[in-house]
Protein backbone atom coordinates (compact mmCIF):
# COMPACT_ATOMS: atom_id res chain seq x y z
CA MET A 1 32.86 -36.48 61.10
CA LYS A 2 32.25 -34.04 63.35
CA ASN A 3 29.98 -31.22 61.23
CA ASP A 4 32.17 -28.22 61.58
CA ARG A 5 29.99 -26.42 59.48
CA LYS A 6 26.77 -24.95 60.96
CA GLU A 7 27.71 -21.57 61.18
CA GLU A 8 28.04 -21.90 57.04
CA TYR A 9 25.23 -23.58 56.73
CA MET A 10 23.37 -20.93 59.20
CA LEU A 11 25.07 -18.32 57.07
CA LEU A 12 23.19 -19.85 53.76
CA ARG A 13 19.64 -20.60 55.17
CA ASP A 14 18.96 -17.24 56.59
CA ALA A 15 20.46 -15.91 53.04
CA TYR A 16 18.22 -18.19 51.15
CA THR A 17 15.15 -17.64 53.30
CA GLY A 18 15.25 -13.57 54.51
CA ALA A 19 15.07 -15.12 57.91
CA GLY A 20 16.91 -15.44 61.01
CA GLY A 21 19.36 -12.34 61.13
CA PHE A 22 18.67 -10.57 57.91
CA LEU A 23 15.23 -10.60 59.54
CA ASP A 24 15.75 -9.23 62.55
CA GLY A 25 18.94 -7.01 61.80
CA SER A 26 21.20 -8.81 64.15
CA ARG A 27 23.30 -9.78 60.79
CA LEU A 28 24.44 -5.97 60.59
CA MET A 29 27.78 -4.79 61.58
CA ARG A 30 27.75 -2.23 64.26
CA HIS A 31 30.41 0.21 63.34
CA PHE A 32 32.66 0.82 66.21
CA ARG A 33 32.18 4.72 66.02
CA GLU A 34 28.25 3.73 66.08
CA SER A 35 26.39 4.75 68.97
CA VAL A 36 24.22 1.55 70.72
CA GLU A 37 21.05 3.97 70.20
CA LYS A 38 22.39 4.59 66.64
CA TYR A 39 22.32 0.88 65.63
CA GLU A 40 19.24 -0.28 66.93
CA GLN A 41 17.45 2.16 64.84
CA ARG A 42 19.17 1.01 61.57
CA ARG A 43 18.43 -2.46 62.43
CA ARG A 44 14.52 -1.41 62.78
CA ILE A 45 14.85 0.10 59.33
CA ALA A 46 17.11 -2.88 57.58
CA TYR A 47 16.09 -4.36 54.45
CA TYR A 48 17.80 -7.31 52.82
CA LEU A 49 17.84 -7.56 48.87
CA ASN A 50 18.22 -11.95 48.15
CA TYR A 51 20.38 -12.43 45.33
CA LEU A 52 20.77 -15.93 46.64
CA LYS A 53 17.91 -17.37 46.39
CA PRO A 54 16.76 -16.81 42.66
CA CYS A 55 20.43 -17.88 41.81
CA VAL A 56 20.07 -21.28 43.68
CA ASP A 57 16.56 -21.51 42.48
CA ALA A 58 17.76 -20.95 38.66
CA HIS A 59 19.80 -24.31 39.46
CA VAL A 60 16.84 -26.32 40.60
CA THR A 61 13.79 -24.97 39.21
CA PRO A 62 14.51 -26.10 35.19
CA ILE A 63 15.60 -29.64 36.43
CA PHE A 64 11.70 -29.79 37.95
CA LYS A 65 9.99 -28.00 34.58
CA ALA A 66 9.46 -30.89 32.89
CA LEU A 67 8.20 -34.63 34.06
CA ALA A 68 10.10 -36.87 34.72
CA ILE A 69 10.05 -40.64 33.33
CA ARG A 70 9.35 -43.11 36.07
CA ASP A 71 8.67 -46.76 35.38
CA TYR A 72 8.22 -49.34 37.81
CA GLU A 73 6.89 -52.94 36.81
CA GLY A 74 7.05 -56.41 39.44
CA THR A 75 5.12 -57.67 41.87
CA GLY A 76 5.61 -54.87 44.59
CA ALA A 77 5.19 -52.18 41.84
CA SER A 78 2.24 -51.70 43.58
CA VAL A 79 3.34 -50.66 47.27
CA TRP A 80 5.87 -48.60 45.42
CA GLU A 81 3.22 -46.29 43.76
CA VAL A 82 1.58 -45.91 46.89
CA PHE A 83 4.88 -44.64 48.24
CA MET A 84 5.44 -42.19 46.02
CA ASN A 85 2.14 -40.89 45.65
CA ASP A 86 2.96 -39.73 49.42
CA VAL A 87 5.95 -40.60 50.76
CA ASP A 88 5.50 -38.73 54.47
CA PHE A 89 2.20 -39.28 55.16
CA THR A 90 1.17 -36.12 54.36
CA GLY A 91 0.27 -36.41 50.56
CA THR A 92 4.26 -35.52 49.49
CA HIS A 93 4.70 -36.96 45.90
CA ILE A 94 8.27 -37.97 45.61
CA LYS A 95 8.93 -35.56 43.09
CA ASP A 96 8.33 -32.98 45.66
CA LEU A 97 10.42 -34.41 47.72
CA MET A 98 13.41 -34.03 45.20
CA ARG A 99 12.85 -30.97 44.95
CA ARG A 100 13.54 -30.23 48.52
CA ALA A 101 16.22 -31.82 48.61
CA ALA A 102 17.33 -30.65 45.31
CA ILE A 103 17.16 -27.20 46.85
CA GLU A 104 18.91 -27.93 49.92
CA ALA A 105 21.61 -29.92 48.34
CA LYS A 106 22.41 -26.80 46.01
CA LEU A 107 22.49 -24.25 48.52
CA ASN A 108 24.33 -26.38 51.09
CA GLY A 109 26.68 -28.47 48.75
CA VAL A 110 24.70 -31.39 50.46
CA ALA A 111 21.09 -32.78 51.65
CA PHE A 112 19.90 -35.85 53.23
CA ILE A 113 17.17 -37.73 52.52
CA VAL A 114 16.60 -40.13 55.37
CA MET A 115 13.92 -43.18 55.15
CA ASP A 116 12.71 -44.42 58.57
CA MET A 117 9.43 -46.53 59.93
CA PRO A 118 6.83 -45.88 62.35
CA ASP A 119 8.15 -46.97 65.57
CA ASN A 120 4.61 -48.97 66.19
CA ILE A 121 5.54 -51.55 63.31
CA GLU A 122 9.40 -51.57 63.28
CA ASN A 123 9.88 -54.99 63.44
CA GLU A 124 6.35 -55.97 61.89
CA ILE A 125 6.11 -58.66 58.92
CA SER A 126 3.80 -57.72 56.41
CA THR A 127 3.11 -58.91 52.91
CA VAL A 128 3.23 -56.88 50.02
CA TYR A 129 -1.10 -56.94 49.36
CA SER A 130 -1.18 -55.33 53.53
CA LEU A 131 1.06 -53.11 52.37
CA SER A 132 -0.60 -51.76 49.34
CA LYS A 133 -3.79 -51.80 51.12
CA ASP A 134 -2.34 -49.61 54.37
CA ARG A 135 0.40 -46.82 54.04
CA ASN A 136 0.58 -46.61 57.32
CA LYS A 137 2.50 -49.82 57.37
CA MET A 138 5.18 -48.25 54.51
CA PRO A 139 8.02 -46.18 55.67
CA TYR A 140 8.11 -42.76 54.86
CA ALA A 141 10.49 -40.18 53.72
CA PHE A 142 11.55 -36.29 55.00
CA VAL A 143 14.78 -34.10 54.11
CA VAL A 144 17.60 -33.27 56.66
CA SER A 145 19.25 -30.65 55.66
CA PRO A 146 23.31 -30.40 56.50
CA VAL A 147 22.66 -27.62 59.21
CA GLN A 148 20.82 -30.18 61.37
CA VAL A 149 23.51 -32.78 61.56
CA ASP A 150 25.68 -32.70 64.05
CA GLU A 151 28.01 -35.58 63.24
CA ILE A 152 28.61 -38.31 59.96
CA GLY A 153 30.26 -41.75 60.31
CA LEU A 154 32.31 -43.06 57.25
CA ASP A 155 33.92 -46.43 56.14
CA LYS A 156 36.59 -47.12 54.16
CA PHE A 157 34.68 -47.00 51.04
CA GLY A 158 33.14 -43.53 52.57
CA ARG A 159 29.58 -45.38 52.64
CA ILE A 160 27.53 -43.82 56.00
CA THR A 161 27.86 -46.16 59.04
CA LYS A 162 26.63 -43.55 61.58
CA PHE A 163 24.15 -40.27 61.11
CA VAL A 164 23.53 -38.15 64.27
CA TYR A 165 21.28 -35.38 63.34
CA LYS A 166 18.54 -32.89 65.23
CA GLU A 167 15.19 -32.64 65.14
CA PRO A 168 11.84 -31.42 66.85
CA ASP A 169 11.22 -32.55 70.76
CA GLN A 170 7.72 -33.71 70.66
CA TYR A 171 7.84 -32.63 74.76
CA SER A 172 9.34 -29.08 74.41
CA GLU A 173 9.20 -26.73 71.38
CA GLN A 174 11.96 -25.01 73.23
CA GLN A 175 14.35 -28.22 72.75
CA PHE A 176 15.62 -30.28 69.99
CA ALA A 177 15.65 -34.10 70.05
CA THR A 178 19.33 -35.89 69.07
CA ARG A 179 18.44 -39.28 66.70
CA THR A 180 20.97 -41.55 65.50
CA LEU A 181 21.00 -44.12 63.24
CA THR A 182 22.85 -46.93 62.34
CA PRO A 183 22.60 -50.36 60.35
CA GLU A 184 21.74 -51.90 63.64
CA GLY A 185 19.37 -49.64 64.56
CA TRP A 186 18.37 -45.77 66.19
CA SER A 187 18.90 -44.40 69.65
CA LEU A 188 16.67 -41.34 70.11
CA LYS A 189 17.58 -38.26 73.11
CA ASP A 190 14.76 -35.76 74.18
CA SER A 191 13.70 -33.79 76.82
CA LYS A 192 11.93 -36.56 78.59
CA GLY A 193 15.12 -39.29 78.32
CA GLU A 194 16.67 -41.60 75.69
CA LYS A 195 15.07 -44.83 73.78
CA SER A 196 16.25 -47.23 71.15
CA GLY A 197 14.92 -49.51 67.97
CA THR A 198 17.05 -52.40 66.12
CA TRP A 199 16.48 -53.41 62.66
CA ASN A 200 17.56 -55.92 59.84
CA LEU A 201 18.63 -53.02 57.06
CA GLY A 202 22.25 -53.60 57.38
CA VAL A 203 23.07 -49.91 56.04
CA VAL A 204 22.21 -46.44 57.82
CA PRO A 205 18.44 -45.35 56.00
CA VAL A 206 20.26 -42.29 54.42
CA VAL A 207 20.34 -41.04 50.73
CA PRO A 208 22.98 -38.30 50.45
CA LEU A 209 22.46 -36.13 47.51
CA PHE A 210 25.11 -33.68 46.41
CA SER A 211 25.25 -30.84 43.97
CA LYS A 212 28.42 -32.25 42.48
CA GLU A 213 30.67 -34.90 42.71
CA HIS A 214 32.64 -34.80 45.30
CA ASP A 215 35.51 -36.60 47.56
CA ASN A 216 34.01 -39.69 48.89
CA PHE A 217 35.19 -39.37 51.67
CA ASP A 218 33.62 -35.68 52.29
CA ALA A 219 30.49 -35.70 53.65
CA LEU A 220 29.65 -32.28 54.19
CA PRO A 221 31.83 -30.61 51.27
CA PRO A 222 31.62 -27.06 50.58
CA SER A 223 29.00 -24.93 49.07
CA ASP A 224 29.50 -23.55 45.77
CA PHE A 225 26.78 -20.77 47.01
CA ILE A 226 28.96 -19.76 50.46
CA SER A 227 30.97 -16.86 48.28
CA ILE A 228 27.43 -15.74 47.27
CA ALA A 229 25.76 -16.01 50.36
CA LYS A 230 28.69 -13.69 52.19
CA THR A 231 28.34 -11.27 48.76
CA ASN A 232 24.88 -11.13 49.53
CA LEU A 233 25.83 -10.48 53.85
CA ALA A 234 27.99 -7.48 52.00
CA ILE A 235 25.07 -5.86 50.24
CA TYR A 236 22.62 -6.03 53.24
CA ASN A 237 25.41 -4.22 55.39
CA MET A 238 26.26 -1.56 52.96
CA SER A 239 22.51 -1.13 51.86
CA SER A 240 21.98 -0.39 56.11
CA TRP A 241 24.57 2.00 55.60
CA LEU A 242 23.08 3.59 52.38
CA SER A 243 19.68 3.75 54.09
CA ASP A 244 21.27 5.45 57.27
CA ILE A 245 22.69 8.12 54.75
CA LEU A 246 19.37 9.01 53.09
CA VAL A 247 17.53 8.99 56.33
CA ASN A 248 19.51 11.59 58.68
CA GLN A 249 21.44 13.46 55.72
CA THR A 250 18.67 13.61 52.67
CA PHE A 251 17.04 16.38 53.76
CA SER A 252 18.49 19.56 54.16
CA ILE A 253 19.09 22.64 56.26
CA LEU A 254 17.95 26.25 55.80
CA VAL A 255 21.31 28.70 57.17
CA TYR A 256 20.00 32.51 57.57
CA PRO A 257 21.92 35.51 59.36
CA SER A 258 20.40 35.96 62.65
CA ASN A 259 21.06 37.22 66.22
CA ASP A 260 19.77 34.00 67.81
CA GLN A 261 22.69 31.61 66.62
CA GLY A 262 21.11 27.94 67.26
CA ASP A 263 18.23 25.72 65.62
CA LEU A 264 15.84 27.18 65.08
CA THR A 265 11.85 26.12 63.76
CA ILE A 266 10.61 27.44 61.15
CA GLY A 267 7.16 25.80 60.34
CA THR A 268 7.97 21.93 60.56
CA SER A 269 11.84 22.78 59.18
CA ASN A 270 14.88 23.19 60.95
CA ALA A 271 17.11 26.14 60.37
CA LEU A 272 19.92 27.20 61.33
CA GLY A 273 21.33 30.78 62.25
CA TYR A 274 24.77 32.55 62.29
CA PRO A 275 25.75 35.85 62.61
CA SER A 276 23.82 38.27 60.50
CA ASP A 277 26.56 40.45 60.15
CA ALA A 278 28.33 36.92 58.11
CA THR A 279 28.40 37.99 53.94
CA HIS A 280 26.76 34.55 53.17
CA GLU A 281 23.13 34.87 51.55
CA PRO A 282 20.54 32.20 53.05
CA LYS A 283 20.81 29.28 51.71
CA PHE A 284 20.04 25.57 52.12
CA ILE A 285 23.02 23.08 53.23
CA ALA A 286 23.10 19.50 52.87
CA PRO A 287 26.17 16.90 53.48
CA ALA A 288 28.34 15.82 50.50
CA ALA A 289 26.60 12.93 48.29
CA ASP A 290 29.75 11.04 47.72
CA PRO A 291 29.58 8.53 50.22
CA ALA A 292 26.14 7.53 48.93
CA THR A 293 27.14 7.47 45.81
CA ILE A 294 30.21 5.06 45.95
CA LEU A 295 27.31 2.55 48.01
CA ALA A 296 25.31 2.09 45.73
CA ALA A 297 27.86 1.56 42.55
CA ASN A 298 28.95 -0.57 44.75
CA ILE A 299 26.34 -2.72 45.66
CA GLU A 300 25.35 -2.91 41.84
CA ARG A 301 28.78 -4.15 41.31
CA LEU A 302 28.22 -6.81 43.92
CA GLN A 303 24.94 -8.03 42.35
CA GLN A 304 27.01 -8.21 39.07
CA GLU A 305 28.97 -10.29 41.27
CA CYS A 306 26.27 -12.52 42.75
CA TYR A 307 25.12 -14.02 39.60
CA ARG A 308 28.57 -14.33 37.59
CA MET A 309 29.62 -16.58 40.80
CA ALA A 310 26.69 -18.08 39.93
CA ASP A 311 27.01 -18.66 36.40
CA VAL A 312 23.48 -17.70 36.01
CA VAL A 313 23.72 -14.40 34.08
CA ASN A 314 22.06 -15.36 31.38
CA VAL A 315 18.70 -17.13 33.64
CA THR A 316 18.57 -14.42 36.17
CA GLY A 317 17.24 -11.12 33.94
CA VAL A 318 20.50 -9.55 33.39
CA ARG A 319 21.49 -7.80 30.62
CA VAL A 320 25.16 -7.70 29.58
CA GLN A 321 26.39 -7.29 25.87
CA ALA A 322 27.94 -9.91 24.03
CA SER A 323 28.42 -12.00 21.07
CA GLY A 324 25.96 -14.65 19.61
CA THR A 325 28.77 -16.85 19.82
CA ALA A 326 29.86 -16.01 23.53
CA LYS A 327 25.80 -15.96 24.64
CA ALA A 328 26.28 -19.78 23.29
CA TRP A 329 28.83 -20.72 25.18
CA ASP A 330 26.68 -19.45 28.73
CA TYR A 331 24.16 -21.33 27.47
CA GLN A 332 26.33 -24.76 27.14
CA GLN A 333 27.82 -23.79 30.10
CA THR A 334 24.47 -23.35 31.98
CA ASN A 335 22.94 -26.38 30.19
CA GLN A 336 25.78 -28.49 31.11
CA ILE A 337 25.86 -27.51 34.83
CA LEU A 338 21.74 -28.17 34.52
CA ALA A 339 22.00 -31.57 33.29
CA ASP A 340 24.68 -33.10 35.70
CA PHE A 341 23.05 -31.88 38.49
CA ALA A 342 19.79 -33.60 37.01
CA ASP A 343 21.89 -36.74 37.33
CA MET A 344 22.98 -36.49 40.73
CA VAL A 345 18.81 -36.12 41.15
CA GLU A 346 18.24 -38.95 39.63
CA ARG A 347 20.61 -41.01 41.14
CA ALA A 348 19.73 -40.41 44.69
CA GLU A 349 15.88 -41.06 43.81
CA LYS A 350 16.59 -44.79 42.81
CA ARG A 351 19.24 -44.99 45.70
CA LEU A 352 15.48 -44.25 46.65
CA ALA A 353 14.09 -46.90 45.89
CA LEU A 354 16.81 -49.58 46.58
CA LEU A 355 16.23 -48.50 50.54
CA PHE A 356 12.65 -49.07 49.66
CA LYS A 357 13.16 -52.60 49.06
CA ARG A 358 15.33 -53.14 51.86
CA TRP A 359 12.48 -51.77 54.04
CA THR A 360 9.66 -53.58 52.48
CA GLY A 361 10.81 -56.17 51.21
CA ALA A 362 8.65 -55.86 47.79
CA ASP A 363 10.13 -56.77 45.16
CA PHE A 364 9.83 -54.73 41.41
CA GLU A 365 12.19 -52.82 39.13
CA TYR A 366 12.34 -48.96 38.57
CA THR A 367 14.01 -46.49 36.61
CA CYS A 368 13.73 -42.70 36.30
CA ASN A 369 14.62 -40.27 34.17
CA TYR A 370 15.15 -36.76 34.43
CA PRO A 371 15.22 -34.26 31.39
CA ASN A 372 19.02 -33.82 30.58
CA ASP A 373 18.58 -31.31 27.89
CA TYR A 374 17.46 -27.78 29.06
CA SER A 375 18.34 -25.92 26.27
CA ILE A 376 15.73 -23.29 24.93
CA ALA A 377 13.64 -24.73 22.09
CA ASP A 378 10.28 -24.53 20.76
CA VAL A 379 7.58 -27.01 20.98
CA GLU A 380 7.53 -27.38 17.16
CA THR A 381 11.17 -28.41 17.04
CA GLU A 382 10.51 -30.94 19.42
CA LEU A 383 7.75 -32.45 17.62
CA ALA A 384 9.55 -32.29 14.11
CA ASN A 385 12.37 -34.01 15.84
CA ALA A 386 10.20 -36.37 17.17
CA GLU A 387 9.02 -37.03 13.95
CA VAL A 388 12.05 -37.64 12.37
CA ALA A 389 13.09 -40.12 14.82
CA LYS A 390 9.88 -42.33 14.24
CA GLY A 391 10.39 -42.29 10.65
CA MET A 392 13.62 -44.54 11.37
CA ALA A 393 11.58 -47.26 12.28
CA PHE A 394 13.86 -48.41 15.17
CA GLY A 395 11.15 -50.70 16.77
CA ASP A 396 7.93 -50.19 18.56
CA GLU A 397 10.05 -49.61 21.87
CA PHE A 398 11.64 -47.35 20.41
CA ASN A 399 9.14 -45.24 18.86
CA LEU A 400 7.30 -45.54 22.67
CA GLU A 401 10.01 -43.76 24.60
CA VAL A 402 9.95 -40.86 21.77
CA PHE A 403 6.27 -40.89 22.58
CA LYS A 404 7.14 -40.24 26.14
CA LYS A 405 10.12 -37.58 25.49
CA VAL A 406 7.09 -35.74 23.42
CA LEU A 407 4.77 -35.68 26.18
CA THR A 408 7.24 -34.18 28.46
CA SER A 409 8.07 -31.91 26.46
CA TYR A 410 4.95 -31.17 24.94
CA LEU A 411 2.81 -31.47 28.26
CA PRO A 412 5.10 -30.56 30.82
CA GLU A 413 2.83 -30.19 33.57
CA LEU A 414 0.92 -33.18 33.05
CA ASP A 415 0.89 -35.32 36.35
CA ASP A 416 1.86 -38.89 36.69
CA ASP A 417 -1.19 -40.67 36.47
CA HIS A 418 -2.51 -38.87 33.39
CA PHE A 419 1.42 -39.39 31.74
CA ASP A 420 1.17 -43.21 32.47
CA GLU A 421 -2.63 -43.24 31.08
CA LEU A 422 -1.41 -41.69 27.84
CA VAL A 423 1.81 -44.17 27.35
CA GLN A 424 -0.78 -47.15 27.78
CA ALA A 425 -3.61 -45.96 25.30
CA TYR A 426 -0.06 -45.06 22.85
CA SER A 427 1.26 -48.69 23.93
CA LYS A 428 -2.33 -50.49 23.12
CA GLN A 429 -2.84 -48.21 19.98
CA GLN A 430 0.31 -49.96 18.77
CA GLU A 431 -1.05 -53.29 19.39
CA GLN A 432 -3.90 -52.65 17.24
CA ASP A 433 -1.73 -50.79 14.75
CA LYS A 434 0.06 -54.55 15.00
CA LEU A 435 -2.79 -56.33 14.58
CA ALA A 436 -4.11 -54.61 11.71
CA MET A 437 -1.35 -54.98 9.79
CA ALA A 438 -1.13 -58.51 10.27
CA HIS A 439 -3.90 -58.87 9.31
CA SER A 440 -3.52 -57.27 5.94
CA ASN A 441 -0.95 -59.04 5.03
CA ILE A 442 -3.34 -62.46 5.56
CA GLU A 443 -5.78 -60.68 2.78
CA ASP A 444 -3.26 -59.56 0.39
CA GLU A 445 -1.81 -63.63 0.44
CA VAL A 446 -5.30 -64.50 -0.23
CA ASP A 447 -6.05 -62.21 -3.10
CA GLU A 448 -2.95 -63.17 -4.68
CA PRO A 449 -3.96 -65.75 -7.85
């Protein structure tokens, strides 16, 4: 299927970043009675009120605020750990990669994580030991926005069989190269010509991350935020019209009786003369403020509509009068939206680990668990719940999972290494407590008459 949504994706990208046509004013609509000079002047003073970005970020930021729990073990675990800490040769951690993908997915409806191998070692066979010692022999991963995608092929199950996208041309800054990925290999067409390579993956090394459940045969679904982007575009134009009114009509003009009718200059202000035999006294005149009032009211209304459509009325700072029950339902709806998307991110990360196994042959088990509860709760409540759960005596493994949840709630900024150190220390303490308990039982048996 060809990508027929590129214009939508470009609008979404520009609206989110405030760049492109929102930066140079080219997305401003020229009025049919407006001269070219007047339109260019309006473009120069245009400003952009970005309501799309806070809406999208409100659907992504809470998911990554708390630390996702990642566990991996096996002979190839060390290789996967090296990759996790540097997924793209620039020191990007896997959590940052997933955050980038999540923003793209939530904004556009889908994002694609591509995993590729450096060209010079594509077919080189490496051992787990050599891979763990040399990051350059491993694959790397990066996010491809749907605006870069030209074509996607699917089989009868909805799996990707062909992936064609644009990437920077390393030989020309003015052009883009086209890369094609298939289960058998790749090809690249750039300003120097065309080249290709093969691999034995059996799949296209692309992991799609969708913003929600979708039709398996629609690899480029519509974005939930396209209506908000278009509304933001309308606000952009209305703000420009309002600015134009303020610039050209704000300053009043003095009118007074004079035999020399026309425009006069008094100091730094203009004055307009009228016949001296007229009965009107000198006064300041100005255009009616009704157009500006209507535009300002409409801008405010559309702003509220943006937040309503994004289902983040209580997240972005908009204050509305609502009953306690209504607010509870709003928070529950927001919590469910976040939890559902967190499941999609978690699923994509696990698929990325499976793809890494195909590339490297490393054998390891990998699990990751993103938080699924985003309700507002204080740390004291979380600790109290953890204490109750631990008191149920469901065993050491259960207590270990409770400890992990406490860490993510009480220390949300904890990095992976320190998190693992604390988990290992707790596990060691559990073993010591178990040995101490066993030793105490033996002593009690000896002391019995």
